[in-house]
């Protein structure tokens, strides 16, 4: 499970979801903001992002998530430039 855990008003709910996944022995990768000292109790694999305004967190989080997806796909031997099951539709009016 990849969990986005910014320090905001939903932090405790997100931690609760992580704990449910931990109870089911799911591996957890957490994407958290710098300075979050508590996240280490819930995930051994933490990627820290700069602490910023909560509204900007998605823009900062997308880069490490895209890199994660890229390297996982490469390790699995997937064709990164031609993903399978990708459909393109064009509508002309």
N, C-alpha and C. Protein backbone atom coordinates (compact mmCIF):
# COMPACT_ATOMS: atom_id res chain seq x y z
N UNK A 1 0.85 -1.16 0.00
CA UNK A 1 0.00 0.00 0.00
C UNK A 1 0.90 1.23 0.00
N UNK A 2 0.57 2.19 -0.83
CA UNK A 2 1.25 3.48 -0.82
C UNK A 2 0.29 4.46 -0.16
N UNK A 3 0.74 5.06 0.93
CA UNK A 3 -0.10 5.98 1.69
C UNK A 3 0.47 7.39 1.62
N UNK A 4 -0.38 8.35 1.27
CA UNK A 4 0.00 9.76 1.29
C UNK A 4 -0.39 10.30 2.65
N UNK A 5 0.62 10.74 3.42
CA UNK A 5 0.37 11.10 4.82
C UNK A 5 0.90 12.50 5.12
N UNK A 6 0.30 13.54 4.54
CA UNK A 6 0.74 14.89 4.90
C UNK A 6 0.26 15.24 6.31
N UNK A 7 0.99 16.11 6.97
CA UNK A 7 0.58 16.55 8.32
C UNK A 7 -0.53 17.57 8.16
N UNK A 8 -1.77 17.09 8.14
CA UNK A 8 -2.92 17.98 8.05
C UNK A 8 -4.04 17.44 8.93
N UNK A 9 -5.23 17.96 8.75
CA UNK A 9 -6.34 17.55 9.63
C UNK A 9 -6.82 16.12 9.37
N UNK A 10 -6.37 15.49 8.30
CA UNK A 10 -6.75 14.09 8.02
C UNK A 10 -5.66 13.09 8.43
N UNK A 11 -4.61 13.57 9.08
CA UNK A 11 -3.47 12.72 9.42
C UNK A 11 -3.92 11.51 10.25
N UNK A 12 -4.72 11.75 11.28
CA UNK A 12 -5.13 10.65 12.17
C UNK A 12 -5.99 9.62 11.43
N UNK A 13 -6.86 10.07 10.53
CA UNK A 13 -7.67 9.13 9.75
C UNK A 13 -6.79 8.30 8.82
N UNK A 14 -5.80 8.94 8.24
CA UNK A 14 -4.89 8.22 7.35
C UNK A 14 -4.10 7.18 8.13
N UNK A 15 -3.64 7.54 9.31
CA UNK A 15 -2.92 6.60 10.17
C UNK A 15 -3.83 5.42 10.53
N UNK A 16 -5.09 5.70 10.79
CA UNK A 16 -6.04 4.63 11.10
C UNK A 16 -6.15 3.65 9.92
N UNK A 17 -6.19 4.17 8.70
CA UNK A 17 -6.23 3.31 7.51
C UNK A 17 -4.95 2.50 7.37
N UNK A 18 -3.83 3.12 7.69
CA UNK A 18 -2.55 2.40 7.63
C UNK A 18 -2.55 1.26 8.64
N UNK A 19 -3.05 1.53 9.85
CA UNK A 19 -3.10 0.49 10.88
C UNK A 19 -3.97 -0.69 10.45
N UNK A 20 -5.06 -0.41 9.75
CA UNK A 20 -5.90 -1.50 9.24
C UNK A 20 -5.14 -2.35 8.24
N UNK A 21 -4.38 -1.70 7.37
CA UNK A 21 -3.58 -2.43 6.39
C UNK A 21 -2.47 -3.22 7.07
N UNK A 22 -1.88 -2.64 8.11
CA UNK A 22 -0.83 -3.34 8.86
C UNK A 22 -1.39 -4.60 9.51
N UNK A 23 -2.62 -4.52 10.01
CA UNK A 23 -3.25 -5.67 10.65
C UNK A 23 -3.45 -6.82 9.66
N UNK A 24 -3.50 -6.49 8.38
CA UNK A 24 -3.65 -7.51 7.34
C UNK A 24 -2.31 -7.85 6.69
N UNK A 25 -1.22 -7.47 7.35
CA UNK A 25 0.15 -7.75 6.91
C UNK A 25 0.47 -7.17 5.54
N UNK A 26 -0.09 -6.03 5.23
CA UNK A 26 0.19 -5.36 3.97
C UNK A 26 1.46 -4.53 4.10
N UNK A 27 2.37 -4.62 3.12
CA UNK A 27 3.54 -3.74 3.17
C UNK A 27 3.10 -2.29 2.94
N UNK A 28 3.68 -1.38 3.69
CA UNK A 28 3.29 0.03 3.64
C UNK A 28 4.47 0.87 3.16
N UNK A 29 4.22 1.71 2.18
CA UNK A 29 5.17 2.74 1.77
C UNK A 29 4.46 4.06 2.03
N UNK A 30 5.05 4.91 2.85
CA UNK A 30 4.41 6.17 3.22
C UNK A 30 5.13 7.34 2.56
N UNK A 31 4.34 8.26 2.06
CA UNK A 31 4.85 9.52 1.53
C UNK A 31 4.41 10.59 2.51
N UNK A 32 5.38 11.11 3.28
CA UNK A 32 5.05 12.02 4.37
C UNK A 32 5.85 13.31 4.24
N UNK A 33 5.45 14.30 5.01
CA UNK A 33 6.15 15.58 4.99
C UNK A 33 7.32 15.55 5.97
N UNK A 34 8.35 16.30 5.61
CA UNK A 34 9.54 16.39 6.48
C UNK A 34 9.12 16.87 7.86
N UNK A 35 9.76 16.31 8.86
CA UNK A 35 9.46 16.68 10.23
C UNK A 35 8.42 15.79 10.90
N UNK A 36 7.83 14.88 10.15
CA UNK A 36 6.85 13.95 10.72
C UNK A 36 7.63 12.82 11.39
N UNK A 37 7.83 12.94 12.68
CA UNK A 37 8.63 11.96 13.42
C UNK A 37 7.83 10.72 13.78
N UNK A 38 6.52 10.79 13.72
CA UNK A 38 5.67 9.67 14.14
C UNK A 38 5.44 8.64 13.04
N UNK A 39 5.63 9.00 11.79
CA UNK A 39 5.30 8.10 10.68
C UNK A 39 6.17 6.84 10.70
N UNK A 40 7.35 6.93 11.27
CA UNK A 40 8.23 5.77 11.36
C UNK A 40 7.67 4.63 12.18
N UNK A 41 6.71 4.91 13.04
CA UNK A 41 6.06 3.86 13.83
C UNK A 41 5.11 3.01 12.97
N UNK A 42 4.70 3.56 11.84
CA UNK A 42 3.69 2.91 11.02
C UNK A 42 4.24 2.37 9.70
N UNK A 43 5.39 2.84 9.29
CA UNK A 43 5.98 2.36 8.04
C UNK A 43 7.49 2.43 8.12
N UNK A 44 8.14 1.34 7.70
CA UNK A 44 9.60 1.33 7.65
C UNK A 44 10.10 2.01 6.39
N UNK A 45 9.23 2.10 5.39
CA UNK A 45 9.59 2.69 4.10
C UNK A 45 8.88 4.03 3.96
N UNK A 46 9.63 5.11 4.20
CA UNK A 46 9.05 6.44 4.16
C UNK A 46 9.81 7.30 3.15
N UNK A 47 9.07 7.98 2.31
CA UNK A 47 9.64 8.98 1.40
C UNK A 47 9.18 10.33 1.94
N UNK A 48 10.15 11.19 2.25
CA UNK A 48 9.80 12.50 2.81
C UNK A 48 9.78 13.55 1.70
N UNK A 49 8.78 14.43 1.79
CA UNK A 49 8.67 15.56 0.88
C UNK A 49 8.79 16.84 1.70
N UNK A 50 9.14 17.94 1.07
CA UNK A 50 9.22 19.20 1.82
C UNK A 50 7.88 19.56 2.46
N UNK A 51 7.95 20.12 3.65
CA UNK A 51 6.73 20.56 4.34
C UNK A 51 6.23 21.81 3.63
N UNK A 52 4.97 21.83 3.28
CA UNK A 52 4.40 22.94 2.54
C UNK A 52 2.94 23.12 2.92
N UNK A 53 2.30 24.06 2.29
CA UNK A 53 0.87 24.26 2.51
C UNK A 53 0.11 22.99 2.09
N UNK A 54 -0.92 22.60 2.82
CA UNK A 54 -1.66 21.38 2.47
C UNK A 54 -2.19 21.37 1.04
N UNK A 55 -2.55 22.54 0.53
CA UNK A 55 -3.09 22.62 -0.84
C UNK A 55 -2.03 22.28 -1.89
N UNK A 56 -0.76 22.46 -1.56
CA UNK A 56 0.32 22.21 -2.52
C UNK A 56 0.89 20.79 -2.43
N UNK A 57 0.52 20.05 -1.40
CA UNK A 57 1.08 18.71 -1.21
C UNK A 57 0.89 17.80 -2.42
N UNK A 58 -0.28 17.78 -3.07
CA UNK A 58 -0.43 16.89 -4.24
C UNK A 58 0.57 17.19 -5.35
N UNK A 59 0.90 18.45 -5.55
CA UNK A 59 1.85 18.81 -6.60
C UNK A 59 3.26 18.35 -6.26
N UNK A 60 3.60 18.37 -4.99
CA UNK A 60 4.92 17.91 -4.56
C UNK A 60 4.97 16.39 -4.52
N UNK A 61 3.87 15.75 -4.14
CA UNK A 61 3.84 14.30 -4.01
C UNK A 61 3.87 13.58 -5.35
N UNK A 62 3.39 14.23 -6.40
CA UNK A 62 3.27 13.54 -7.69
C UNK A 62 4.63 13.14 -8.26
N UNK A 63 5.67 13.92 -8.01
CA UNK A 63 6.99 13.60 -8.59
C UNK A 63 7.54 12.30 -8.02
N UNK A 64 7.64 12.13 -6.69
CA UNK A 64 8.14 10.84 -6.21
C UNK A 64 7.24 9.67 -6.57
N UNK A 65 5.94 9.89 -6.67
CA UNK A 65 5.03 8.81 -7.05
C UNK A 65 5.25 8.39 -8.51
N UNK A 66 5.47 9.36 -9.39
CA UNK A 66 5.74 9.03 -10.79
C UNK A 66 7.07 8.30 -10.92
N UNK A 67 8.08 8.74 -10.18
CA UNK A 67 9.37 8.05 -10.23
C UNK A 67 9.25 6.64 -9.68
N UNK A 68 8.48 6.47 -8.62
CA UNK A 68 8.25 5.14 -8.06
C UNK A 68 7.61 4.23 -9.10
N UNK A 69 6.56 4.73 -9.77
CA UNK A 69 5.88 3.93 -10.79
C UNK A 69 6.83 3.61 -11.95
N UNK A 70 7.65 4.57 -12.33
CA UNK A 70 8.60 4.37 -13.43
C UNK A 70 9.59 3.25 -13.11
N UNK A 71 10.20 3.31 -11.92
CA UNK A 71 11.21 2.32 -11.57
C UNK A 71 10.61 0.94 -11.30
N UNK A 72 9.41 0.88 -10.77
CA UNK A 72 8.74 -0.41 -10.59
C UNK A 72 8.45 -1.03 -11.96
N UNK A 73 7.95 -0.22 -12.90
CA UNK A 73 7.66 -0.73 -14.24
C UNK A 73 8.93 -1.21 -14.92
N UNK A 74 10.01 -0.46 -14.76
CA UNK A 74 11.29 -0.86 -15.36
C UNK A 74 11.78 -2.17 -14.77
N UNK A 75 11.68 -2.30 -13.45
CA UNK A 75 12.12 -3.52 -12.78
C UNK A 75 11.29 -4.73 -13.22
N UNK A 76 10.01 -4.51 -13.48
CA UNK A 76 9.13 -5.59 -13.93
C UNK A 76 9.30 -5.91 -15.41
N UNK A 77 10.07 -5.09 -16.11
CA UNK A 77 10.29 -5.33 -17.54
C UNK A 77 9.16 -4.83 -18.42
N UNK A 78 8.36 -3.92 -17.92
CA UNK A 78 7.25 -3.37 -18.72
C UNK A 78 7.78 -2.35 -19.72
N UNK A 79 7.11 -2.24 -20.86
CA UNK A 79 7.47 -1.24 -21.85
C UNK A 79 6.93 0.10 -21.38
N UNK A 80 7.80 0.95 -20.91
CA UNK A 80 7.40 2.21 -20.29
C UNK A 80 6.81 3.17 -21.31
N UNK A 81 7.32 3.15 -22.53
CA UNK A 81 6.83 4.08 -23.55
C UNK A 81 5.55 3.61 -24.23
N UNK A 82 5.21 2.36 -24.10
CA UNK A 82 4.00 1.81 -24.73
C UNK A 82 3.23 0.98 -23.70
N UNK A 83 2.56 1.62 -22.74
CA UNK A 83 1.83 0.85 -21.73
C UNK A 83 0.72 0.02 -22.37
N UNK A 84 0.54 -1.19 -21.87
CA UNK A 84 -0.52 -2.03 -22.42
C UNK A 84 -1.87 -1.56 -21.90
N UNK A 85 -2.89 -1.90 -22.64
CA UNK A 85 -4.28 -1.55 -22.31
C UNK A 85 -4.51 -0.04 -22.22
N UNK A 86 -3.70 0.73 -22.91
CA UNK A 86 -3.90 2.18 -22.94
C UNK A 86 -4.67 2.51 -24.22
N UNK A 87 -5.84 3.05 -24.06
CA UNK A 87 -6.66 3.39 -25.22
C UNK A 87 -6.67 4.90 -25.41
N UNK A 88 -6.63 5.30 -26.64
CA UNK A 88 -6.67 6.72 -26.96
C UNK A 88 -7.90 6.96 -27.82
N UNK A 89 -8.69 7.91 -27.43
CA UNK A 89 -9.86 8.22 -28.25
C UNK A 89 -9.82 9.69 -28.62
N UNK A 90 -10.19 9.96 -29.84
CA UNK A 90 -10.24 11.32 -30.35
C UNK A 90 -11.65 11.58 -30.84
N UNK A 91 -12.22 12.65 -30.38
CA UNK A 91 -13.56 13.02 -30.81
C UNK A 91 -13.46 14.25 -31.69
N UNK A 92 -14.01 14.15 -32.88
CA UNK A 92 -13.99 15.27 -33.81
C UNK A 92 -15.42 15.76 -33.98
N UNK A 93 -15.61 17.04 -33.82
CA UNK A 93 -16.95 17.61 -33.99
C UNK A 93 -17.06 18.35 -35.29
